Amino acid sequence: MPAAKPRPESADSIAPAASSPGVAVSSRAPAGPVPPARLADELAVPAPSPVHQLQAGLAQLTAPPGPAAEPLYPGWLRIAFPLASSALLWAALLWGAIRLA
């Protein structure tokens, strides 16, 4: 990567005269053409900045909460229903087997 050339100090002290009163002219005008933006390679690691850290912290505070858990059926029903339906089906199978015999 080429090193940037420092500008001479005399360039900072010379400011063009304003064409009308009340118009401020910047003393730091670009010295030449602006170099084109360079692409970051795959090895480039972004530097953490205080602004990005603040935004990440605020994003955690404003993130919508996860989906609320649906209320479950009571435990006695979750155990009793499969047992009762299984017993009912076995009874129907045995009744049908006895009926056919």
Protein backbone atom coordinates (compact mmCIF):
# COMPACT_ATOMS: atom_id res chain seq x y z
CA MET A 1 0.00 0.00 0.00
CA PRO A 2 1.57 3.32 -0.99
CA ALA A 3 2.13 5.81 1.77
CA ALA A 4 0.28 9.11 1.61
CA LYS A 5 2.41 12.12 0.84
CA PRO A 6 2.18 14.91 3.41
CA ARG A 7 1.00 18.25 2.11
CA PRO A 8 3.25 21.23 2.51
CA GLU A 9 2.36 23.46 5.45
CA SER A 10 2.07 26.46 3.19
CA ALA A 11 -0.97 24.88 1.52
CA ASP A 12 -2.88 24.96 4.83
CA SER A 13 -2.13 28.60 5.50
CA ILE A 14 -3.26 29.80 2.06
CA ALA A 15 -7.02 30.09 1.89
CA PRO A 16 -8.86 31.40 -1.15
CA ALA A 17 -10.63 34.67 -0.62
CA ALA A 18 -14.38 34.49 -0.14
CA SER A 19 -16.40 35.92 -3.02
CA SER A 20 -19.12 37.28 -0.74
CA PRO A 21 -19.08 38.25 2.93
CA GLY A 22 -20.44 35.69 5.37
CA VAL A 23 -19.36 32.67 3.31
CA ALA A 24 -16.81 30.55 5.10
CA VAL A 25 -14.19 28.83 3.01
CA SER A 26 -12.52 25.72 4.32
CA SER A 27 -8.76 25.98 4.63
CA ARG A 28 -8.44 22.23 4.00
CA ALA A 29 -9.42 21.82 0.38
CA PRO A 30 -8.47 18.53 -1.30
CA ALA A 31 -4.95 18.77 -2.69
CA GLY A 32 -5.58 16.47 -5.64
CA PRO A 33 -7.80 13.73 -6.97
CA VAL A 34 -9.38 11.51 -4.36
CA PRO A 35 -8.04 7.93 -4.55
CA PRO A 36 -10.66 5.30 -5.39
CA ALA A 37 -12.10 3.24 -2.57
CA ARG A 38 -10.35 -0.06 -2.07
CA LEU A 39 -12.08 -3.35 -1.43
CA ALA A 40 -11.38 -5.22 1.77
CA ASP A 41 -9.97 -8.66 1.26
CA GLU A 42 -11.27 -11.79 2.98
CA LEU A 43 -8.58 -11.51 5.65
CA ALA A 44 -9.62 -8.02 6.74
CA VAL A 45 -11.08 -7.92 10.23
CA PRO A 46 -13.41 -5.04 11.07
CA ALA A 47 -12.22 -2.93 13.96
CA PRO A 48 -14.76 -2.63 16.80
CA SER A 49 -15.75 0.95 17.36
CA PRO A 50 -17.53 2.47 20.35
CA VAL A 51 -20.47 3.37 18.13
CA HIS A 52 -20.91 -0.23 16.95
CA GLN A 53 -20.62 -1.51 20.51
CA LEU A 54 -23.28 0.98 21.63
CA GLN A 55 -25.58 -0.03 18.78
CA ALA A 56 -25.13 -3.72 19.63
CA GLY A 57 -25.99 -3.02 23.27
CA LEU A 58 -29.05 -1.00 22.32
CA ALA A 59 -30.18 -3.66 19.85
CA GLN A 60 -30.35 -6.17 22.69
CA LEU A 61 -32.63 -3.83 24.62
CA THR A 62 -34.96 -3.15 21.70
CA ALA A 63 -35.08 -6.68 20.25
CA PRO A 64 -38.56 -8.14 20.37
CA PRO A 65 -38.96 -10.92 22.92
CA GLY A 66 -39.08 -14.47 21.68
CA PRO A 67 -42.38 -16.22 21.16
CA ALA A 68 -44.26 -16.83 24.37
CA ALA A 69 -44.58 -20.43 25.45
CA GLU A 70 -48.07 -21.78 25.01
CA PRO A 71 -49.67 -23.05 28.19
CA LEU A 72 -49.50 -26.82 28.42
CA TYR A 73 -52.27 -29.16 29.42
CA PRO A 74 -52.16 -30.23 33.04
CA GLY A 75 -49.93 -33.19 33.86
CA TRP A 76 -52.74 -35.48 34.97
CA LEU A 77 -54.48 -35.05 31.60
CA ARG A 78 -51.27 -35.62 29.61
CA ILE A 79 -50.84 -38.97 31.38
CA ALA A 80 -54.47 -40.05 31.76
CA PHE A 81 -55.57 -39.43 28.15
CA PRO A 82 -53.05 -41.77 26.45
CA LEU A 83 -53.62 -44.46 29.10
CA ALA A 84 -57.40 -44.25 28.86
CA SER A 85 -57.44 -44.20 25.05
CA SER A 86 -55.02 -47.16 24.94
CA ALA A 87 -57.19 -49.11 27.39
CA LEU A 88 -60.28 -48.30 25.33
CA LEU A 89 -58.63 -49.46 22.10
CA TRP A 90 -57.41 -52.73 23.72
CA ALA A 91 -60.89 -53.34 25.06
CA ALA A 92 -62.34 -52.82 21.58
CA LEU A 93 -59.77 -55.19 20.05
CA LEU A 94 -60.44 -57.89 22.65
CA TRP A 95 -64.22 -57.48 22.29
CA GLY A 96 -63.90 -57.81 18.49
CA ALA A 97 -61.63 -60.88 18.81
CA ILE A 98 -64.05 -62.57 21.21
CA ARG A 99 -67.01 -61.68 19.00
CA LEU A 100 -65.36 -63.28 15.94
CA ALA A 101 -64.32 -66.46 17.75
